[in-house]
Amino acid sequence: MAVATSLSRKLDPPASVGLRRAFFVLWGIDTVAATLFFLVPYATELNPITVLFYGLFGLPGVVLAAVCYAAIVIGIGHVLSDPLDVRFVVGVVALYVVFAANNIVLLLARRSLVELLVV
């Protein structure tokens, strides 16, 4: 009992349930997009860890890499104290908004979001 109580005091998730849901939704979208990058000929995945896992395990490696990224974010969010944990997850969600939006545009329009905005 004492170990479980001590562990629960050290690991506390960010208080915002909506923020955590946003992270998982965007993470899921990004995971699907990253998987599709290996299936379409006109897009390539740039993340070297994802490419390495794909080379080792095939498509399940892409999902495994994404699970590892999510585990790292969740772990950091649990270890940080309030309000740093919320700020950290807000930052990660903001990055995932950019990454997921770019990936979706790239898959649909065959051009990155930056290319579409500049031209």
PDB file of N, CA and C in Angstrom:
ATOM      1  N   MET A   1       0.816  -1.199   0.000  1.00  0.00           N
ATOM      2  CA  MET A   1       0.000   0.000   0.000  1.00  0.00           C
ATOM      3  C   MET A   1       0.855   1.256   0.000  1.00  0.00           C
ATOM      4  N   ALA A   2       1.905   1.260   0.797  1.00  0.00           N
ATOM      5  CA  ALA A   2       2.723   2.463   0.905  1.00  0.00           C
ATOM      6  C   ALA A   2       3.412   2.774  -0.419  1.00  0.00           C
ATOM      7  N   VAL A   3       3.813   1.744  -1.159  1.00  0.00           N
ATOM      8  CA  VAL A   3       4.464   1.963  -2.441  1.00  0.00           C
ATOM      9  C   VAL A   3       3.482   2.566  -3.435  1.00  0.00           C
ATOM     10  N   ALA A   4       2.262   2.038  -3.495  1.00  0.00           N
ATOM     11  CA  ALA A   4       1.259   2.570  -4.411  1.00  0.00           C
ATOM     12  C   ALA A   4       0.908   4.002  -4.058  1.00  0.00           C
ATOM     13  N   THR A   5       0.789   4.304  -2.781  1.00  0.00           N
ATOM     14  CA  THR A   5       0.474   5.661  -2.355  1.00  0.00           C
ATOM     15  C   THR A   5       1.618   6.603  -2.691  1.00  0.00           C
ATOM     16  N   SER A   6       2.853   6.177  -2.453  1.00  0.00           N
ATOM     17  CA  SER A   6       4.015   6.995  -2.760  1.00  0.00           C
ATOM     18  C   SER A   6       4.141   7.239  -4.262  1.00  0.00           C
ATOM     19  N   LEU A   7       3.892   6.198  -5.067  1.00  0.00           N
ATOM     20  CA  LEU A   7       3.976   6.322  -6.509  1.00  0.00           C
ATOM     21  C   LEU A   7       2.893   7.250  -7.044  1.00  0.00           C
ATOM     22  N   SER A   8       1.684   7.169  -6.505  1.00  0.00           N
ATOM     23  CA  SER A   8       0.599   8.019  -6.996  1.00  0.00           C
ATOM     24  C   SER A   8       0.832   9.483  -6.654  1.00  0.00           C
ATOM     25  N   ARG A   9       1.575   9.766  -5.593  1.00  0.00           N
ATOM     26  CA  ARG A   9       1.903  11.156  -5.263  1.00  0.00           C
ATOM     27  C   ARG A   9       2.903  11.737  -6.249  1.00  0.00           C
ATOM     28  N   LYS A  10       3.816  10.908  -6.759  1.00  0.00           N
ATOM     29  CA  LYS A  10       4.847  11.379  -7.675  1.00  0.00           C
ATOM     30  C   LYS A  10       4.333  11.500  -9.107  1.00  0.00           C
ATOM     31  N   LEU A  11       3.412  10.640  -9.519  1.00  0.00           N
ATOM     32  CA  LEU A  11       2.896  10.638 -10.872  1.00  0.00           C
ATOM     33  C   LEU A  11       1.494  11.240 -10.892  1.00  0.00           C
ATOM     34  N   ASP A  12       1.398  12.462 -11.384  1.00  0.00           N
ATOM     35  CA  ASP A  12       0.088  13.094 -11.470  1.00  0.00           C
ATOM     36  C   ASP A  12      -0.109  13.622 -12.883  1.00  0.00           C
ATOM     37  N   PRO A  13      -1.172  13.186 -13.561  1.00  0.00           N
ATOM     38  CA  PRO A  13      -1.404  13.651 -14.922  1.00  0.00           C
ATOM     39  C   PRO A  13      -1.858  15.113 -14.916  1.00  0.00           C
ATOM     40  N   PRO A  14      -1.665  15.812 -16.052  1.00  0.00           N
ATOM     41  CA  PRO A  14      -2.190  17.174 -16.136  1.00  0.00           C
ATOM     42  C   PRO A  14      -3.689  17.178 -15.865  1.00  0.00           C
ATOM     43  N   ALA A  15      -4.170  18.210 -15.199  1.00  0.00           N
ATOM     44  CA  ALA A  15      -5.554  18.243 -14.734  1.00  0.00           C
ATOM     45  C   ALA A  15      -6.578  18.333 -15.862  1.00  0.00           C
ATOM     46  N   SER A  16      -6.226  18.897 -16.985  1.00  0.00           N
ATOM     47  CA  SER A  16      -7.177  19.125 -18.059  1.00  0.00           C
ATOM     48  C   SER A  16      -7.449  17.860 -18.869  1.00  0.00           C
ATOM     49  N   VAL A  17      -8.655  17.324 -18.722  1.00  0.00           N
ATOM     50  CA  VAL A  17      -9.046  16.130 -19.464  1.00  0.00           C
ATOM     51  C   VAL A  17      -9.166  16.466 -20.948  1.00  0.00           C
ATOM     52  N   GLY A  18      -9.713  17.642 -21.269  1.00  0.00           N
ATOM     53  CA  GLY A  18      -9.840  18.062 -22.657  1.00  0.00           C
ATOM     54  C   GLY A  18      -8.500  18.171 -23.356  1.00  0.00           C
ATOM     55  N   LEU A  19      -7.516  18.651 -22.643  1.00  0.00           N
ATOM     56  CA  LEU A  19      -6.168  18.775 -23.195  1.00  0.00           C
ATOM     57  C   LEU A  19      -5.579  17.395 -23.477  1.00  0.00           C
ATOM     58  N   ARG A  20      -5.784  16.472 -22.565  1.00  0.00           N
ATOM     59  CA  ARG A  20      -5.293  15.105 -22.783  1.00  0.00           C
ATOM     60  C   ARG A  20      -6.012  14.445 -23.956  1.00  0.00           C
ATOM     61  N   ARG A  21      -7.316  14.681 -24.076  1.00  0.00           N
ATOM     62  CA  ARG A  21      -8.066  14.141 -25.221  1.00  0.00           C
ATOM     63  C   ARG A  21      -7.555  14.733 -26.526  1.00  0.00           C
ATOM     64  N   ALA A  22      -7.310  16.032 -26.540  1.00  0.00           N
ATOM     65  CA  ALA A  22      -6.789  16.686 -27.745  1.00  0.00           C
ATOM     66  C   ALA A  22      -5.457  16.061 -28.148  1.00  0.00           C
ATOM     67  N   PHE A  23      -4.597  15.798 -27.170  1.00  0.00           N
ATOM     68  CA  PHE A  23      -3.315  15.153 -27.465  1.00  0.00           C
ATOM     69  C   PHE A  23      -3.535  13.804 -28.126  1.00  0.00           C
ATOM     70  N   PHE A  24      -4.399  12.968 -27.556  1.00  0.00           N
ATOM     71  CA  PHE A  24      -4.594  11.626 -28.102  1.00  0.00           C
ATOM     72  C   PHE A  24      -5.257  11.654 -29.474  1.00  0.00           C
ATOM     73  N   VAL A  25      -6.171  12.572 -29.709  1.00  0.00           N
ATOM     74  CA  VAL A  25      -6.804  12.684 -31.029  1.00  0.00           C
ATOM     75  C   VAL A  25      -5.762  13.090 -32.072  1.00  0.00           C
ATOM     76  N   LEU A  26      -4.996  14.127 -31.769  1.00  0.00           N
ATOM     77  CA  LEU A  26      -3.977  14.582 -32.708  1.00  0.00           C
ATOM     78  C   LEU A  26      -2.878  13.547 -32.886  1.00  0.00           C
ATOM     79  N   TRP A  27      -2.509  12.872 -31.812  1.00  0.00           N
ATOM     80  CA  TRP A  27      -1.515  11.800 -31.899  1.00  0.00           C
ATOM     81  C   TRP A  27      -2.025  10.700 -32.825  1.00  0.00           C
ATOM     82  N   GLY A  28      -3.281  10.341 -32.704  1.00  0.00           N
ATOM     83  CA  GLY A  28      -3.868   9.308 -33.566  1.00  0.00           C
ATOM     84  C   GLY A  28      -3.863   9.716 -35.029  1.00  0.00           C
ATOM     85  N   ILE A  29      -4.236  10.960 -35.301  1.00  0.00           N
ATOM     86  CA  ILE A  29      -4.223  11.461 -36.675  1.00  0.00           C
ATOM     87  C   ILE A  29      -2.808  11.436 -37.233  1.00  0.00           C
ATOM     88  N   ASP A  30      -1.855  11.881 -36.439  1.00  0.00           N
ATOM     89  CA  ASP A  30      -0.467  11.900 -36.884  1.00  0.00           C
ATOM     90  C   ASP A  30       0.064  10.486 -37.106  1.00  0.00           C
ATOM     91  N   THR A  31      -0.337   9.547 -36.283  1.00  0.00           N
ATOM     92  CA  THR A  31       0.090   8.152 -36.439  1.00  0.00           C
ATOM     93  C   THR A  31      -0.440   7.562 -37.745  1.00  0.00           C
ATOM     94  N   VAL A  32      -1.711   7.811 -38.043  1.00  0.00           N
ATOM     95  CA  VAL A  32      -2.292   7.319 -39.294  1.00  0.00           C
ATOM     96  C   VAL A  32      -1.581   7.958 -40.490  1.00  0.00           C
ATOM     97  N   ALA A  33      -1.348   9.268 -40.419  1.00  0.00           N
ATOM     98  CA  ALA A  33      -0.659   9.958 -41.516  1.00  0.00           C
ATOM     99  C   ALA A  33       0.753   9.420 -41.697  1.00  0.00           C
ATOM    100  N   ALA A  34       1.471   9.214 -40.606  1.00  0.00           N
ATOM    101  CA  ALA A  34       2.831   8.683 -40.714  1.00  0.00           C
ATOM    102  C   ALA A  34       2.828   7.289 -41.326  1.00  0.00           C
ATOM    103  N   THR A  35       1.841   6.487 -40.992  1.00  0.00           N
ATOM    104  CA  THR A  35       1.718   5.150 -41.579  1.00  0.00           C
ATOM    105  C   THR A  35       1.452   5.252 -43.078  1.00  0.00           C
ATOM    106  N   LEU A  36       0.594   6.188 -43.463  1.00  0.00           N
ATOM    107  CA  LEU A  36       0.279   6.362 -44.883  1.00  0.00           C
ATOM    108  C   LEU A  36       1.481   6.851 -45.686  1.00  0.00           C
ATOM    109  N   PHE A  37       2.399   7.557 -45.038  1.00  0.00           N
ATOM    110  CA  PHE A  37       3.596   8.021 -45.742  1.00  0.00           C
ATOM    111  C   PHE A  37       4.398   6.850 -46.321  1.00  0.00           C
ATOM    112  N   PHE A  38       4.308   5.699 -45.681  1.00  0.00           N
ATOM    113  CA  PHE A  38       5.047   4.535 -46.171  1.00  0.00           C
ATOM    114  C   PHE A  38       4.273   3.777 -47.246  1.00  0.00           C
ATOM    115  N   LEU A  39       3.014   4.160 -47.459  1.00  0.00           N
ATOM    116  CA  LEU A  39       2.184   3.465 -48.439  1.00  0.00           C
ATOM    117  C   LEU A  39       2.010   4.246 -49.735  1.00  0.00           C
ATOM    118  N   VAL A  40       2.197   5.561 -49.696  1.00  0.00           N
ATOM    119  CA  VAL A  40       2.046   6.375 -50.909  1.00  0.00           C
ATOM    120  C   VAL A  40       3.434   6.683 -51.473  1.00  0.00           C
ATOM    121  N   PRO A  41       3.552   6.730 -52.799  1.00  0.00           N
ATOM    122  CA  PRO A  41       4.882   6.945 -53.391  1.00  0.00           C
ATOM    123  C   PRO A  41       5.360   8.395 -53.378  1.00  0.00           C
ATOM    124  N   TYR A  42       4.480   9.350 -53.159  1.00  0.00           N
ATOM    125  CA  TYR A  42       4.851  10.757 -53.296  1.00  0.00           C
ATOM    126  C   TYR A  42       5.185  11.449 -51.981  1.00  0.00           C
ATOM    127  N   ALA A  43       5.137  10.750 -50.873  1.00  0.00           N
ATOM    128  CA  ALA A  43       5.451  11.354 -49.576  1.00  0.00           C
ATOM    129  C   ALA A  43       6.429  10.460 -48.836  1.00  0.00           C
ATOM    130  N   THR A  44       7.289  11.082 -48.049  1.00  0.00           N
ATOM    131  CA  THR A  44       8.245  10.305 -47.262  1.00  0.00           C
ATOM    132  C   THR A  44       8.220  10.788 -45.813  1.00  0.00           C
ATOM    133  N   GLU A  45       8.438   9.885 -44.934  1.00  0.00           N
ATOM    134  CA  GLU A  45       8.530  10.204 -43.507  1.00  0.00           C
ATOM    135  C   GLU A  45       9.933  10.732 -43.236  1.00  0.00           C
ATOM    136  N   LEU A  46      10.015  11.846 -42.529  1.00  0.00           N
ATOM    137  CA  LEU A  46      11.307  12.468 -42.255  1.00  0.00           C
ATOM    138  C   LEU A  46      11.889  12.088 -40.899  1.00  0.00           C
ATOM    139  N   ASN A  47      11.076  11.599 -39.983  1.00  0.00           N
ATOM    140  CA  ASN A  47      11.549  11.268 -38.648  1.00  0.00           C
ATOM    141  C   ASN A  47      12.438  10.023 -38.713  1.00  0.00           C
ATOM    142  N   PRO A  48      13.719  10.150 -38.357  1.00  0.00           N
ATOM    143  CA  PRO A  48      14.630   9.009 -38.501  1.00  0.00           C
ATOM    144  C   PRO A  48      14.296   7.830 -37.585  1.00  0.00           C
ATOM    145  N   ILE A  49      13.721   8.096 -36.430  1.00  0.00           N
ATOM    146  CA  ILE A  49      13.350   6.993 -35.528  1.00  0.00           C
ATOM    147  C   ILE A  49      12.201   6.183 -36.128  1.00  0.00           C
ATOM    148  N   THR A  50      11.210   6.879 -36.677  1.00  0.00           N
ATOM    149  CA  THR A  50      10.091   6.187 -37.316  1.00  0.00           C
ATOM    150  C   THR A  50      10.582   5.381 -38.516  1.00  0.00           C
ATOM    151  N   VAL A  51      11.474   5.958 -39.302  1.00  0.00           N
ATOM    152  CA  VAL A  51      12.033   5.248 -40.461  1.00  0.00           C
ATOM    153  C   VAL A  51      12.816   4.014 -40.003  1.00  0.00           C
ATOM    154  N   LEU A  52      13.597   4.151 -38.935  1.00  0.00           N
ATOM    155  CA  LEU A  52      14.343   3.012 -38.392  1.00  0.00           C
ATOM    156  C   LEU A  52      13.396   1.903 -37.941  1.00  0.00           C
ATOM    157  N   PHE A  53      12.355   2.267 -37.186  1.00  0.00           N
ATOM    158  CA  PHE A  53      11.395   1.261 -36.719  1.00  0.00           C
ATOM    159  C   PHE A  53      10.668   0.616 -37.903  1.00  0.00           C
ATOM    160  N   TYR A  54      10.372   1.402 -38.935  1.00  0.00           N
ATOM    161  CA  TYR A  54       9.749   0.837 -40.137  1.00  0.00           C
ATOM    162  C   TYR A  54      10.697  -0.173 -40.796  1.00  0.00           C
ATOM    163  N   GLY A  55      11.965   0.178 -40.874  1.00  0.00           N
ATOM    164  CA  GLY A  55      12.942  -0.734 -41.455  1.00  0.00           C
ATOM    165  C   GLY A  55      13.077  -2.031 -40.665  1.00  0.00           C
ATOM    166  N   LEU A  56      12.950  -1.944 -39.354  1.00  0.00           N
ATOM    167  CA  LEU A  56      13.084  -3.129 -38.508  1.00  0.00           C
ATOM    168  C   LEU A  56      11.823  -3.980 -38.453  1.00  0.00           C
ATOM    169  N   PHE A  57      10.638  -3.313 -38.354  1.00  0.00           N
ATOM    170  CA  PHE A  57       9.400  -4.040 -38.071  1.00  0.00           C
ATOM    171  C   PHE A  57       8.306  -3.867 -39.123  1.00  0.00           C
ATOM    172  N   GLY A  58       8.556  -3.077 -40.155  1.00  0.00           N
ATOM    173  CA  GLY A  58       7.513  -2.821 -41.153  1.00  0.00           C
ATOM    174  C   GLY A  58       6.499  -1.823 -40.614  1.00  0.00           C
ATOM    175  N   LEU A  59       5.274  -1.881 -41.111  1.00  0.00           N
ATOM    176  CA  LEU A  59       4.240  -0.934 -40.668  1.00  0.00           C
ATOM    177  C   LEU A  59       3.962  -0.975 -39.168  1.00  0.00           C
ATOM    178  N   PRO A  60       4.006  -2.154 -38.517  1.00  0.00           N
ATOM    179  CA  PRO A  60       3.843  -2.134 -37.060  1.00  0.00           C
ATOM    180  C   PRO A  60       4.924  -1.310 -36.361  1.00  0.00           C
ATOM    181  N   GLY A  61       6.086  -1.176 -36.974  1.00  0.00           N
ATOM    182  CA  GLY A  61       7.149  -0.358 -36.409  1.00  0.00           C
ATOM    183  C   GLY A  61       6.786   1.118 -36.375  1.00  0.00           C
ATOM    184  N   VAL A  62       6.009   1.570 -37.351  1.00  0.00           N
ATOM    185  CA  VAL A  62       5.555   2.963 -37.363  1.00  0.00           C
ATOM    186  C   VAL A  62       4.642   3.211 -36.169  1.00  0.00           C
ATOM    187  N   VAL A  63       3.740   2.287 -35.937  1.00  0.00           N
ATOM    188  CA  VAL A  63       2.836   2.411 -34.788  1.00  0.00           C
ATOM    189  C   VAL A  63       3.613   2.289 -33.481  1.00  0.00           C
ATOM    190  N   LEU A  64       4.581   1.384 -33.445  1.00  0.00           N
ATOM    191  CA  LEU A  64       5.413   1.237 -32.244  1.00  0.00           C
ATOM    192  C   LEU A  64       6.177   2.528 -31.947  1.00  0.00           C
ATOM    193  N   ALA A  65       6.726   3.165 -32.970  1.00  0.00           N
ATOM    194  CA  ALA A  65       7.413   4.441 -32.771  1.00  0.00           C
ATOM    195  C   ALA A  65       6.446   5.490 -32.224  1.00  0.00           C
ATOM    196  N   ALA A  66       5.244   5.536 -32.777  1.00  0.00           N
ATOM    197  CA  ALA A  66       4.249   6.500 -32.305  1.00  0.00           C
ATOM    198  C   ALA A  66       3.861   6.224 -30.854  1.00  0.00           C
ATOM    199  N   VAL A  67       3.739   4.961 -30.493  1.00  0.00           N
ATOM    200  CA  VAL A  67       3.423   4.607 -29.109  1.00  0.00           C
ATOM    201  C   VAL A  67       4.558   5.036 -28.184  1.00  0.00           C
ATOM    202  N   CYS A  68       5.786   4.871 -28.638  1.00  0.00           N
ATOM    203  CA  CYS A  68       6.940   5.309 -27.831  1.00  0.00           C
ATOM    204  C   CYS A  68       6.912   6.817 -27.620  1.00  0.00           C
ATOM    205  N   TYR A  69       6.594   7.581 -28.675  1.00  0.00           N
ATOM    206  CA  TYR A  69       6.502   9.041 -28.534  1.00  0.00           C
ATOM    207  C   TYR A  69       5.418   9.419 -27.536  1.00  0.00           C
ATOM    208  N   ALA A  70       4.263   8.773 -27.650  1.00  0.00           N
ATOM    209  CA  ALA A  70       3.163   9.072 -26.724  1.00  0.00           C
ATOM    210  C   ALA A  70       3.546   8.716 -25.292  1.00  0.00           C
ATOM    211  N   ALA A  71       4.231   7.597 -25.107  1.00  0.00           N
ATOM    212  CA  ALA A  71       4.653   7.190 -23.765  1.00  0.00           C
ATOM    213  C   ALA A  71       5.610   8.209 -23.159  1.00  0.00           C
ATOM    214  N   ILE A  72       6.504   8.742 -23.991  1.00  0.00           N
ATOM    215  CA  ILE A  72       7.435   9.759 -23.493  1.00  0.00           C
ATOM    216  C   ILE A  72       6.691  11.016 -23.074  1.00  0.00           C
ATOM    217  N   VAL A  73       5.757  11.459 -23.906  1.00  0.00           N
ATOM    218  CA  VAL A  73       4.983  12.666 -23.574  1.00  0.00           C
ATOM    219  C   VAL A  73       4.158  12.448 -22.317  1.00  0.00           C
ATOM    220  N   ILE A  74       3.498  11.298 -22.221  1.00  0.00           N
ATOM    221  CA  ILE A  74       2.683  10.998 -21.038  1.00  0.00           C
ATOM    222  C   ILE A  74       3.568  10.911 -19.803  1.00  0.00           C
ATOM    223  N   GLY A  75       4.714  10.256 -19.931  1.00  0.00           N
ATOM    224  CA  GLY A  75       5.635  10.151 -18.794  1.00  0.00           C
ATOM    225  C   GLY A  75       6.108  11.508 -18.310  1.00  0.00           C
ATOM    226  N   ILE A  76       6.504  12.367 -19.246  1.00  0.00           N
ATOM    227  CA  ILE A  76       6.949  13.710 -18.857  1.00  0.00           C
ATOM    228  C   ILE A  76       5.801  14.484 -18.222  1.00  0.00           C
ATOM    229  N   GLY A  77       4.613  14.384 -18.789  1.00  0.00           N
ATOM    230  CA  GLY A  77       3.446  15.079 -18.226  1.00  0.00           C
ATOM    231  C   GLY A  77       3.118  14.612 -16.819  1.00  0.00           C
ATOM    232  N   HIS A  78       3.355  13.333 -16.536  1.00  0.00           N
ATOM    233  CA  HIS A  78       3.086  12.808 -15.192  1.00  0.00           C
ATOM    234  C   HIS A  78       4.148  13.228 -14.188  1.00  0.00           C
ATOM    235  N   VAL A  79       5.372  13.387 -14.637  1.00  0.00           N
ATOM    236  CA  VAL A  79       6.466  13.720 -13.726  1.00  0.00           C
ATOM    237  C   VAL A  79       6.498  15.214 -13.392  1.00  0.00           C
ATOM    238  N   LEU A  80       6.203  16.063 -14.365  1.00  0.00           N
ATOM    239  CA  LEU A  80       6.217  17.509 -14.121  1.00  0.00           C
ATOM    240  C   LEU A  80       5.131  17.901 -13.135  1.00  0.00           C
ATOM    241  N   SER A  81       5.408  18.923 -12.375  1.00  0.00           N
ATOM    242  CA  SER A  81       4.408  19.396 -11.422  1.00  0.00           C
ATOM    243  C   SER A  81       3.507  20.429 -12.089  1.00  0.00           C
ATOM    244  N   ASP A  82       2.366  20.658 -11.494  1.00  0.00           N
ATOM    245  CA  ASP A  82       1.418  21.659 -11.974  1.00  0.00           C
ATOM    246  C   ASP A  82       2.002  23.035 -11.723  1.00  0.00           C
ATOM    247  N   PRO A  83       1.989  23.981 -12.584  1.00  0.00           N
ATOM    248  CA  PRO A  83       1.365  24.106 -13.900  1.00  0.00           C
ATOM    249  C   PRO A  83       2.293  23.760 -15.052  1.00  0.00           C
ATOM    250  N   LEU A  84       3.522  23.318 -14.771  1.00  0.00           N
ATOM    251  CA  LEU A  84       4.448  22.976 -15.855  1.00  0.00           C
ATOM    252  C   LEU A  84       3.926  21.826 -16.702  1.00  0.00           C
ATOM    253  N   ASP A  85       3.233  20.863 -16.093  1.00  0.00           N
ATOM    254  CA  ASP A  85       2.716  19.732 -16.854  1.00  0.00           C
ATOM    255  C   ASP A  85       1.693  20.191 -17.884  1.00  0.00           C
ATOM    256  N   VAL A  86       0.826  21.115 -17.499  1.00  0.00           N
ATOM    257  CA  VAL A  86      -0.184  21.622 -18.425  1.00  0.00           C
ATOM    258  C   VAL A  86       0.488  22.408 -19.549  1.00  0.00           C
ATOM    259  N   ARG A  87       1.462  23.236 -19.215  1.00  0.00           N
ATOM    260  CA  ARG A  87       2.175  24.000 -20.244  1.00  0.00           C
ATOM    261  C   ARG A  87       2.900  23.075 -21.217  1.00  0.00           C
ATOM    262  N   PHE A  88       3.500  22.026 -20.700  1.00  0.00           N
ATOM    263  CA  PHE A  88       4.193  21.068 -21.545  1.00  0.00           C
ATOM    264  C   PHE A  88       3.220  20.407 -22.516  1.00  0.00           C
ATOM    265  N   VAL A  89       2.092  19.928 -22.013  1.00  0.00           N
ATOM    266  CA  VAL A  89       1.117  19.253 -22.874  1.00  0.00           C
ATOM    267  C   VAL A  89       0.511  20.249 -23.871  1.00  0.00           C
ATOM    268  N   VAL A  90       0.284  21.494 -23.475  1.00  0.00           N
ATOM    269  CA  VAL A  90      -0.199  22.509 -24.417  1.00  0.00           C
ATOM    270  C   VAL A  90       0.820  22.686 -25.546  1.00  0.00           C
ATOM    271  N   GLY A  91       2.090  22.732 -25.213  1.00  0.00           N
ATOM    272  CA  GLY A  91       3.132  22.842 -26.231  1.00  0.00           C
ATOM    273  C   GLY A  91       3.147  21.654 -27.171  1.00  0.00           C
ATOM    274  N   VAL A  92       3.000  20.457 -26.618  1.00  0.00           N
ATOM    275  CA  VAL A  92       2.991  19.246 -27.450  1.00  0.00           C
ATOM    276  C   VAL A  92       1.751  19.240 -28.343  1.00  0.00           C
ATOM    277  N   VAL A  93       0.600  19.614 -27.809  1.00  0.00           N
ATOM    278  CA  VAL A  93      -0.624  19.674 -28.612  1.00  0.00           C
ATOM    279  C   VAL A  93      -0.458  20.689 -29.737  1.00  0.00           C
ATOM    280  N   ALA A  94       0.130  21.837 -29.453  1.00  0.00           N
ATOM    281  CA  ALA A  94       0.356  22.845 -30.496  1.00  0.00           C
ATOM    282  C   ALA A  94       1.256  22.294 -31.600  1.00  0.00           C
ATOM    283  N   LEU A  95       2.313  21.581 -31.216  1.00  0.00           N
ATOM    284  CA  LEU A  95       3.185  20.972 -32.222  1.00  0.00           C
ATOM    285  C   LEU A  95       2.443  19.925 -33.047  1.00  0.00           C
ATOM    286  N   TYR A  96       1.639  19.100 -32.383  1.00  0.00           N
ATOM    287  CA  TYR A  96       0.883  18.084 -33.102  1.00  0.00           C
ATOM    288  C   TYR A  96      -0.146  18.705 -34.036  1.00  0.00           C
ATOM    289  N   VAL A  97      -0.711  19.855 -33.697  1.00  0.00           N
ATOM    290  CA  VAL A  97      -1.631  20.542 -34.604  1.00  0.00           C
ATOM    291  C   VAL A  97      -0.897  20.879 -35.899  1.00  0.00           C
ATOM    292  N   VAL A  98       0.291  21.428 -35.766  1.00  0.00           N
ATOM    293  CA  VAL A  98       1.083  21.786 -36.953  1.00  0.00           C
ATOM    294  C   VAL A  98       1.479  20.537 -37.733  1.00  0.00           C
ATOM    295  N   PHE A  99       2.003  19.532 -37.040  1.00  0.00           N
ATOM    296  CA  PHE A  99       2.467  18.323 -37.721  1.00  0.00           C
ATOM    297  C   PHE A  99       1.308  17.577 -38.397  1.00  0.00           C
ATOM    298  N   ALA A 100       0.222  17.398 -37.677  1.00  0.00           N
ATOM    299  CA  ALA A 100      -0.917  16.657 -38.236  1.00  0.00           C
ATOM    300  C   ALA A 100      -1.528  17.421 -39.407  1.00  0.00           C
ATOM    301  N   ALA A 101      -1.671  18.747 -39.275  1.00  0.00           N
ATOM    302  CA  ALA A 101      -2.221  19.541 -40.378  1.00  0.00           C
ATOM    303  C   ALA A 101      -1.323  19.430 -41.605  1.00  0.00           C
ATOM    304  N   ASN A 102      -0.024  19.546 -41.408  1.00  0.00           N
ATOM    305  CA  ASN A 102       0.905  19.426 -42.530  1.00  0.00           C
ATOM    306  C   ASN A 102       0.828  18.045 -43.159  1.00  0.00           C
ATOM    307  N   ASN A 103       0.767  17.017 -42.349  1.00  0.00           N
ATOM    308  CA  ASN A 103       0.719  15.655 -42.878  1.00  0.00           C
ATOM    309  C   ASN A 103      -0.561  15.401 -43.672  1.00  0.00           C
ATOM    310  N   ILE A 104      -1.677  15.883 -43.174  1.00  0.00           N
ATOM    311  CA  ILE A 104      -2.954  15.689 -43.874  1.00  0.00           C
ATOM    312  C   ILE A 104      -2.939  16.437 -45.205  1.00  0.00           C
ATOM    313  N   VAL A 105      -2.472  17.690 -45.180  1.00  0.00           N
ATOM    314  CA  VAL A 105      -2.395  18.474 -46.426  1.00  0.00           C
ATOM    315  C   VAL A 105      -1.444  17.801 -47.406  1.00  0.00           C
ATOM    316  N   LEU A 106      -0.321  17.308 -46.923  1.00  0.00           N
ATOM    317  CA  LEU A 106       0.644  16.634 -47.787  1.00  0.00           C
ATOM    318  C   LEU A 106       0.038  15.390 -48.427  1.00  0.00           C
ATOM    319  N   LEU A 107      -0.708  14.626 -47.671  1.00  0.00           N
ATOM    320  CA  LEU A 107      -1.316  13.416 -48.210  1.00  0.00           C
ATOM    321  C   LEU A 107      -2.434  13.739 -49.212  1.00  0.00           C
ATOM    322  N   LEU A 108      -3.197  14.785 -48.945  1.00  0.00           N
ATOM    323  CA  LEU A 108      -4.323  15.116 -49.816  1.00  0.00           C
ATOM    324  C   LEU A 108      -3.910  15.942 -51.033  1.00  0.00           C
ATOM    325  N   ALA A 109      -3.036  16.916 -50.839  1.00  0.00           N
ATOM    326  CA  ALA A 109      -2.682  17.842 -51.916  1.00  0.00           C
ATOM    327  C   ALA A 109      -1.319  17.542 -52.545  1.00  0.00           C
ATOM    328  N   ARG A 110      -0.604  16.591 -51.992  1.00  0.00           N
ATOM    329  CA  ARG A 110       0.732  16.227 -52.462  1.00  0.00           C
ATOM    330  C   ARG A 110       1.730  17.374 -52.345  1.00  0.00           C
ATOM    331  N   ARG A 111       1.413  18.367 -51.552  1.00  0.00           N
ATOM    332  CA  ARG A 111       2.301  19.499 -51.270  1.00  0.00           C
ATOM    333  C   ARG A 111       2.184  19.803 -49.790  1.00  0.00           C
ATOM    334  N   SER A 112       3.286  20.264 -49.203  1.00  0.00           N
ATOM    335  CA  SER A 112       3.255  20.563 -47.770  1.00  0.00           C
ATOM    336  C   SER A 112       2.461  21.826 -47.508  1.00  0.00           C
ATOM    337  N   LEU A 113       2.082  22.012 -46.277  1.00  0.00           N
ATOM    338  CA  LEU A 113       1.325  23.185 -45.860  1.00  0.00           C
ATOM    339  C   LEU A 113       2.115  24.456 -46.151  1.00  0.00           C
ATOM    340  N   VAL A 114       3.412  24.433 -45.920  1.00  0.00           N
ATOM    341  CA  VAL A 114       4.264  25.601 -46.179  1.00  0.00           C
ATOM    342  C   VAL A 114       4.262  25.944 -47.662  1.00  0.00           C
ATOM    343  N   GLU A 115       4.373  24.932 -48.509  1.00  0.00           N
ATOM    344  CA  GLU A 115       4.349  25.180 -49.955  1.00  0.00           C
ATOM    345  C   GLU A 115       3.029  25.802 -50.399  1.00  0.00           C
ATOM    346  N   LEU A 116       1.938  25.328 -49.846  1.00  0.00           N
ATOM    347  CA  LEU A 116       0.631  25.882 -50.206  1.00  0.00           C
ATOM    348  C   LEU A 116       0.438  27.303 -49.710  1.00  0.00           C
ATOM    349  N   LEU A 117       0.970  27.611 -48.537  1.00  0.00           N
ATOM    350  CA  LEU A 117       0.816  28.950 -47.985  1.00  0.00           C
ATOM    351  C   LEU A 117       1.719  29.969 -48.676  1.00  0.00           C
ATOM    352  N   VAL A 118       2.897  29.542 -49.112  1.00  0.00           N
ATOM    353  CA  VAL A 118       3.848  30.453 -49.757  1.00  0.00           C
ATOM    354  C   VAL A 118       3.421  30.756 -51.189  1.00  0.00           C
ATOM    355  N   VAL A 119       2.936  29.757 -51.886  1.00  0.00           N
ATOM    356  CA  VAL A 119       2.579  29.939 -53.304  1.00  0.00           C
ATOM    357  C   VAL A 119       1.265  30.599 -53.459  1.00  0.00           C
TER     358      VAL A 119
END
